[in-house]
N, C-alpha and C. Protein backbone atom coordinates (compact mmCIF):
# COMPACT_ATOMS: atom_id res chain seq x y z
N MET A 1 -138.76 -99.58 -62.66
CA MET A 1 -138.36 -99.93 -61.31
C MET A 1 -139.60 -99.93 -60.42
N THR A 2 -139.66 -100.87 -59.53
CA THR A 2 -140.84 -100.99 -58.68
C THR A 2 -140.79 -99.99 -57.53
N ARG A 3 -141.96 -99.68 -57.07
CA ARG A 3 -142.09 -98.72 -55.98
C ARG A 3 -141.79 -99.43 -54.66
N VAL A 4 -141.03 -98.75 -53.81
CA VAL A 4 -140.70 -99.30 -52.49
C VAL A 4 -141.38 -98.44 -51.44
N LYS A 5 -142.21 -99.09 -50.66
CA LYS A 5 -142.89 -98.38 -49.57
C LYS A 5 -142.11 -98.64 -48.28
N ARG A 6 -141.60 -97.57 -47.69
CA ARG A 6 -140.73 -97.72 -46.52
C ARG A 6 -141.45 -97.36 -45.23
N GLY A 7 -142.75 -97.39 -45.19
CA GLY A 7 -143.53 -96.90 -44.07
C GLY A 7 -143.02 -97.28 -42.70
N SER A 8 -143.00 -98.57 -42.38
CA SER A 8 -142.63 -98.98 -41.02
C SER A 8 -141.15 -98.81 -40.75
N VAL A 9 -140.32 -99.06 -41.77
CA VAL A 9 -138.87 -98.93 -41.60
C VAL A 9 -138.49 -97.47 -41.35
N ALA A 10 -139.04 -96.59 -42.17
CA ALA A 10 -138.73 -95.16 -42.03
C ALA A 10 -139.25 -94.63 -40.71
N ARG A 11 -140.43 -95.07 -40.32
CA ARG A 11 -141.00 -94.61 -39.05
C ARG A 11 -140.13 -95.06 -37.88
N LYS A 12 -139.66 -96.30 -37.95
CA LYS A 12 -138.79 -96.82 -36.87
C LYS A 12 -137.49 -96.01 -36.79
N TYR A 13 -136.90 -95.71 -37.95
CA TYR A 13 -135.66 -94.94 -37.99
C TYR A 13 -135.86 -93.54 -37.41
N ARG A 14 -136.94 -92.88 -37.84
CA ARG A 14 -137.22 -91.54 -37.33
C ARG A 14 -137.52 -91.55 -35.84
N LYS A 15 -138.20 -92.58 -35.40
CA LYS A 15 -138.55 -92.68 -33.98
C LYS A 15 -137.29 -92.84 -33.12
N GLU A 16 -136.33 -93.63 -33.61
CA GLU A 16 -135.06 -93.80 -32.88
C GLU A 16 -134.32 -92.47 -32.76
N ILE A 17 -134.28 -91.72 -33.87
CA ILE A 17 -133.60 -90.42 -33.85
C ILE A 17 -134.29 -89.48 -32.86
N LEU A 18 -135.62 -89.43 -32.90
CA LEU A 18 -136.36 -88.52 -32.02
C LEU A 18 -136.27 -88.96 -30.56
N ASN A 19 -136.16 -90.26 -30.31
CA ASN A 19 -135.96 -90.73 -28.93
C ASN A 19 -134.59 -90.31 -28.42
N PHE A 20 -133.58 -90.39 -29.29
CA PHE A 20 -132.24 -89.94 -28.90
C PHE A 20 -132.25 -88.47 -28.55
N ALA A 21 -133.00 -87.68 -29.32
CA ALA A 21 -133.01 -86.22 -29.17
C ALA A 21 -134.08 -85.75 -28.20
N SER A 22 -134.67 -86.64 -27.42
CA SER A 22 -135.80 -86.26 -26.58
C SER A 22 -135.44 -85.22 -25.51
N GLY A 23 -134.19 -85.15 -25.09
CA GLY A 23 -133.80 -84.19 -24.08
C GLY A 23 -133.35 -82.85 -24.64
N PHE A 24 -133.28 -82.74 -25.96
CA PHE A 24 -132.82 -81.50 -26.58
C PHE A 24 -133.90 -80.43 -26.48
N ARG A 25 -133.53 -79.18 -26.70
CA ARG A 25 -134.46 -78.07 -26.52
C ARG A 25 -135.09 -77.65 -27.84
N GLY A 26 -136.35 -77.25 -27.76
CA GLY A 26 -137.03 -76.66 -28.90
C GLY A 26 -137.27 -77.65 -30.02
N ALA A 27 -137.09 -77.17 -31.25
CA ALA A 27 -137.35 -77.98 -32.43
C ALA A 27 -136.41 -79.16 -32.54
N HIS A 28 -135.26 -79.07 -31.89
CA HIS A 28 -134.27 -80.15 -31.95
C HIS A 28 -134.77 -81.44 -31.33
N SER A 29 -135.82 -81.37 -30.54
CA SER A 29 -136.37 -82.59 -29.95
C SER A 29 -137.67 -83.02 -30.62
N ARG A 30 -138.21 -82.18 -31.51
CA ARG A 30 -139.53 -82.48 -32.08
C ARG A 30 -139.51 -82.71 -33.59
N LEU A 31 -138.66 -81.99 -34.30
CA LEU A 31 -138.64 -82.08 -35.76
C LEU A 31 -137.50 -83.00 -36.19
N PHE A 32 -137.81 -83.92 -37.10
CA PHE A 32 -136.83 -84.95 -37.46
C PHE A 32 -135.55 -84.38 -38.04
N ARG A 33 -135.66 -83.45 -38.98
CA ARG A 33 -134.46 -82.96 -39.65
C ARG A 33 -133.54 -82.24 -38.66
N ALA A 34 -134.11 -81.41 -37.81
CA ALA A 34 -133.31 -80.70 -36.81
C ALA A 34 -132.73 -81.68 -35.80
N ALA A 35 -133.53 -82.68 -35.42
CA ALA A 35 -133.06 -83.67 -34.45
C ALA A 35 -131.94 -84.51 -35.03
N ASN A 36 -132.04 -84.83 -36.30
CA ASN A 36 -131.01 -85.64 -36.96
C ASN A 36 -129.68 -84.89 -37.01
N GLN A 37 -129.73 -83.61 -37.36
CA GLN A 37 -128.52 -82.80 -37.40
C GLN A 37 -127.91 -82.67 -36.00
N GLN A 38 -128.79 -82.47 -35.02
CA GLN A 38 -128.33 -82.30 -33.64
C GLN A 38 -127.72 -83.60 -33.11
N GLU A 39 -128.28 -84.73 -33.51
CA GLU A 39 -127.73 -86.01 -33.07
C GLU A 39 -126.32 -86.21 -33.62
N ASN A 40 -126.15 -85.91 -34.91
CA ASN A 40 -124.82 -86.04 -35.52
C ASN A 40 -123.81 -85.14 -34.83
N LYS A 41 -124.23 -83.93 -34.51
CA LYS A 41 -123.33 -82.99 -33.83
C LYS A 41 -123.01 -83.46 -32.42
N ALA A 42 -124.03 -83.97 -31.72
CA ALA A 42 -123.84 -84.44 -30.35
C ALA A 42 -122.88 -85.62 -30.30
N LEU A 43 -123.03 -86.54 -31.23
CA LEU A 43 -122.15 -87.71 -31.25
C LEU A 43 -120.72 -87.32 -31.61
N ALA A 44 -120.57 -86.35 -32.51
CA ALA A 44 -119.23 -85.89 -32.88
C ALA A 44 -118.56 -85.21 -31.70
N CYS A 45 -119.31 -84.38 -30.97
CA CYS A 45 -118.75 -83.69 -29.81
C CYS A 45 -118.43 -84.69 -28.70
N ALA A 46 -119.25 -85.72 -28.55
CA ALA A 46 -119.00 -86.73 -27.53
C ALA A 46 -117.69 -87.46 -27.81
N TYR A 47 -117.42 -87.73 -29.08
CA TYR A 47 -116.18 -88.40 -29.47
C TYR A 47 -114.97 -87.53 -29.12
N VAL A 48 -115.05 -86.27 -29.45
CA VAL A 48 -113.93 -85.35 -29.19
C VAL A 48 -113.73 -85.19 -27.69
N ASP A 49 -114.83 -85.06 -26.95
CA ASP A 49 -114.73 -84.79 -25.52
C ASP A 49 -114.26 -85.99 -24.71
N ARG A 50 -114.42 -87.20 -25.25
CA ARG A 50 -113.85 -88.35 -24.55
C ARG A 50 -112.33 -88.25 -24.51
N ASN A 51 -111.74 -87.75 -25.58
CA ASN A 51 -110.29 -87.54 -25.59
C ASN A 51 -109.89 -86.32 -24.77
N ASN A 52 -110.70 -85.28 -24.81
CA ASN A 52 -110.40 -84.08 -24.03
C ASN A 52 -110.46 -84.36 -22.54
N ARG A 53 -111.35 -85.26 -22.12
CA ARG A 53 -111.47 -85.61 -20.70
C ARG A 53 -110.16 -86.23 -20.20
N LYS A 54 -109.58 -87.10 -21.00
CA LYS A 54 -108.29 -87.71 -20.63
C LYS A 54 -107.21 -86.65 -20.49
N ARG A 55 -107.22 -85.69 -21.43
CA ARG A 55 -106.24 -84.61 -21.42
C ARG A 55 -106.38 -83.75 -20.17
N LYS A 56 -107.63 -83.43 -19.81
CA LYS A 56 -107.88 -82.57 -18.64
C LYS A 56 -107.48 -83.26 -17.34
N PHE A 57 -107.78 -84.56 -17.23
CA PHE A 57 -107.40 -85.27 -16.02
C PHE A 57 -105.88 -85.33 -15.89
N ARG A 58 -105.18 -85.55 -17.00
CA ARG A 58 -103.72 -85.59 -16.94
C ARG A 58 -103.16 -84.25 -16.47
N ARG A 59 -103.71 -83.15 -16.97
CA ARG A 59 -103.27 -81.82 -16.53
C ARG A 59 -103.52 -81.62 -15.04
N LEU A 60 -104.68 -82.09 -14.56
CA LEU A 60 -105.03 -81.96 -13.14
C LEU A 60 -104.05 -82.75 -12.28
N TRP A 61 -103.76 -84.00 -12.69
CA TRP A 61 -102.85 -84.83 -11.91
C TRP A 61 -101.46 -84.21 -11.86
N ILE A 62 -100.99 -83.69 -12.99
CA ILE A 62 -99.66 -83.07 -13.03
C ILE A 62 -99.62 -81.85 -12.12
N ALA A 63 -100.68 -81.05 -12.12
CA ALA A 63 -100.73 -79.85 -11.26
C ALA A 63 -100.68 -80.25 -9.79
N ARG A 64 -101.39 -81.31 -9.42
CA ARG A 64 -101.41 -81.75 -8.03
C ARG A 64 -100.06 -82.31 -7.60
N ILE A 65 -99.43 -83.09 -8.46
CA ILE A 65 -98.10 -83.64 -8.13
C ILE A 65 -97.09 -82.51 -8.03
N ASN A 66 -97.18 -81.55 -8.94
CA ASN A 66 -96.26 -80.42 -8.94
C ASN A 66 -96.41 -79.61 -7.66
N ALA A 67 -97.65 -79.40 -7.21
CA ALA A 67 -97.87 -78.64 -5.98
C ALA A 67 -97.26 -79.37 -4.78
N ALA A 68 -97.44 -80.68 -4.73
CA ALA A 68 -96.87 -81.45 -3.62
C ALA A 68 -95.35 -81.45 -3.69
N ALA A 69 -94.81 -81.52 -4.89
CA ALA A 69 -93.36 -81.54 -5.04
C ALA A 69 -92.75 -80.20 -4.65
N ARG A 70 -93.38 -79.11 -5.04
CA ARG A 70 -92.83 -77.79 -4.74
C ARG A 70 -92.91 -77.45 -3.25
N LYS A 71 -93.84 -78.08 -2.52
CA LYS A 71 -93.85 -77.92 -1.07
C LYS A 71 -92.57 -78.48 -0.46
N ASN A 72 -91.99 -79.46 -1.15
CA ASN A 72 -90.76 -80.09 -0.67
C ASN A 72 -89.52 -79.56 -1.39
N GLY A 73 -89.68 -78.46 -2.14
CA GLY A 73 -88.54 -77.79 -2.76
C GLY A 73 -87.98 -78.49 -3.98
N ILE A 74 -88.82 -79.12 -4.77
CA ILE A 74 -88.36 -79.80 -5.99
C ILE A 74 -89.42 -79.60 -7.06
N THR A 75 -89.04 -79.70 -8.32
CA THR A 75 -90.00 -79.51 -9.41
C THR A 75 -90.66 -80.84 -9.79
N TYR A 76 -91.71 -80.72 -10.58
CA TYR A 76 -92.44 -81.91 -11.05
C TYR A 76 -91.54 -82.81 -11.89
N SER A 77 -90.83 -82.21 -12.83
CA SER A 77 -90.04 -83.02 -13.76
C SER A 77 -88.93 -83.79 -13.04
N SER A 78 -88.28 -83.14 -12.10
CA SER A 78 -87.22 -83.85 -11.37
C SER A 78 -87.81 -84.91 -10.44
N THR A 79 -89.02 -84.70 -9.94
CA THR A 79 -89.68 -85.72 -9.12
C THR A 79 -89.96 -86.97 -9.94
N ILE A 80 -90.52 -86.80 -11.13
CA ILE A 80 -90.81 -87.93 -12.00
C ILE A 80 -89.52 -88.62 -12.43
N HIS A 81 -88.49 -87.82 -12.73
CA HIS A 81 -87.20 -88.39 -13.12
C HIS A 81 -86.62 -89.24 -11.98
N ASN A 82 -86.67 -88.71 -10.77
CA ASN A 82 -86.14 -89.47 -9.63
C ASN A 82 -86.96 -90.72 -9.34
N LEU A 83 -88.26 -90.64 -9.56
CA LEU A 83 -89.10 -91.83 -9.38
C LEU A 83 -88.66 -92.95 -10.32
N TYR A 84 -88.44 -92.62 -11.57
CA TYR A 84 -88.03 -93.64 -12.53
C TYR A 84 -86.61 -94.13 -12.28
N GLU A 85 -85.73 -93.22 -11.84
CA GLU A 85 -84.36 -93.64 -11.52
C GLU A 85 -84.34 -94.67 -10.39
N ASN A 86 -85.22 -94.46 -9.40
CA ASN A 86 -85.28 -95.36 -8.26
C ASN A 86 -86.26 -96.51 -8.47
N GLN A 87 -86.75 -96.66 -9.68
CA GLN A 87 -87.65 -97.74 -10.06
C GLN A 87 -88.91 -97.80 -9.19
N VAL A 88 -89.47 -96.62 -8.92
CA VAL A 88 -90.76 -96.53 -8.24
C VAL A 88 -91.78 -96.24 -9.33
N PHE A 89 -92.49 -97.26 -9.75
CA PHE A 89 -93.38 -97.13 -10.90
C PHE A 89 -94.82 -96.87 -10.45
N LEU A 90 -95.05 -95.65 -9.97
CA LEU A 90 -96.40 -95.21 -9.64
C LEU A 90 -96.87 -94.30 -10.76
N ASN A 91 -98.11 -94.50 -11.20
CA ASN A 91 -98.61 -93.64 -12.27
C ASN A 91 -99.05 -92.29 -11.71
N CYS A 92 -99.31 -91.35 -12.61
CA CYS A 92 -99.64 -89.99 -12.20
C CYS A 92 -100.93 -89.93 -11.40
N ARG A 93 -101.88 -90.78 -11.74
CA ARG A 93 -103.15 -90.77 -11.03
C ARG A 93 -102.96 -91.15 -9.57
N THR A 94 -102.18 -92.18 -9.33
CA THR A 94 -101.92 -92.62 -7.96
C THR A 94 -101.14 -91.58 -7.18
N LEU A 95 -100.13 -91.01 -7.81
CA LEU A 95 -99.34 -89.98 -7.15
C LEU A 95 -100.20 -88.77 -6.79
N ALA A 96 -101.10 -88.39 -7.69
CA ALA A 96 -101.97 -87.24 -7.42
C ALA A 96 -102.93 -87.54 -6.27
N GLN A 97 -103.44 -88.77 -6.21
CA GLN A 97 -104.33 -89.14 -5.11
C GLN A 97 -103.60 -89.11 -3.78
N VAL A 98 -102.37 -89.61 -3.77
CA VAL A 98 -101.57 -89.58 -2.54
C VAL A 98 -101.27 -88.14 -2.15
N ALA A 99 -100.95 -87.32 -3.14
CA ALA A 99 -100.60 -85.92 -2.86
C ALA A 99 -101.77 -85.15 -2.26
N THR A 100 -103.00 -85.44 -2.71
CA THR A 100 -104.15 -84.70 -2.20
C THR A 100 -104.69 -85.27 -0.90
N SER A 101 -104.68 -86.59 -0.77
CA SER A 101 -105.32 -87.20 0.41
C SER A 101 -104.37 -87.30 1.60
N ASP A 102 -103.09 -87.53 1.35
CA ASP A 102 -102.15 -87.75 2.45
C ASP A 102 -100.87 -86.95 2.19
N ALA A 103 -100.83 -85.73 2.68
CA ALA A 103 -99.69 -84.86 2.42
C ALA A 103 -98.41 -85.39 3.08
N TYR A 104 -98.55 -85.95 4.27
CA TYR A 104 -97.38 -86.48 4.97
C TYR A 104 -96.73 -87.61 4.18
N CYS A 105 -97.54 -88.52 3.69
CA CYS A 105 -97.03 -89.65 2.91
C CYS A 105 -96.35 -89.19 1.63
N SER A 106 -96.95 -88.23 0.94
CA SER A 106 -96.35 -87.75 -0.30
C SER A 106 -95.04 -87.02 -0.04
N SER A 107 -94.97 -86.25 1.04
CA SER A 107 -93.72 -85.56 1.34
C SER A 107 -92.62 -86.54 1.72
N ARG A 108 -92.98 -87.59 2.45
CA ARG A 108 -92.00 -88.63 2.79
C ARG A 108 -91.48 -89.34 1.54
N LEU A 109 -92.41 -89.63 0.63
CA LEU A 109 -92.04 -90.30 -0.62
C LEU A 109 -91.09 -89.43 -1.43
N ILE A 110 -91.41 -88.16 -1.57
CA ILE A 110 -90.57 -87.25 -2.37
C ILE A 110 -89.21 -87.06 -1.72
N LYS A 111 -89.19 -86.90 -0.38
CA LYS A 111 -87.91 -86.72 0.31
C LYS A 111 -87.03 -87.95 0.19
N GLN A 112 -87.64 -89.13 0.31
CA GLN A 112 -86.86 -90.37 0.24
C GLN A 112 -86.26 -90.56 -1.15
N ILE A 113 -87.02 -90.21 -2.16
CA ILE A 113 -86.52 -90.34 -3.53
C ILE A 113 -85.39 -89.34 -3.77
N ASN A 114 -85.52 -88.12 -3.25
CA ASN A 114 -84.45 -87.13 -3.43
C ASN A 114 -83.19 -87.51 -2.66
N ASP A 115 -83.35 -88.08 -1.47
CA ASP A 115 -82.19 -88.48 -0.68
C ASP A 115 -81.45 -89.64 -1.33
N SER A 116 -82.18 -90.56 -1.95
CA SER A 116 -81.53 -91.74 -2.52
C SER A 116 -80.81 -91.44 -3.82
N LYS A 117 -81.11 -90.30 -4.46
CA LYS A 117 -80.40 -89.97 -5.70
C LYS A 117 -79.00 -89.44 -5.42
N ASP A 118 -78.77 -88.94 -4.20
CA ASP A 118 -77.45 -88.40 -3.86
C ASP A 118 -76.48 -89.46 -3.59
């Protein structure tokens, strides 16, 4: 089998890895093997945390809607149920923004939905 010299290709590959790891601390930014392991770990954590970010925002929105709903004497679940019954299709993000930025508007919305269910 013939000998394969990978000089420029290998150097380019290692350089890309070390450029990716340039902000890491200690040997993780200078030594190829440590940087390569750290890059794999960083990319894996980034993948997981993209999904965790969605989960955390959903929890935040639900907490904000629940707080606004309880000020008006109703729970989160019944608020969402009444919204769908009355065909008000606002997503949680929008409801949370209304609840935090305009308390009067959110209380009017919740009261109107509760009154129309009776």
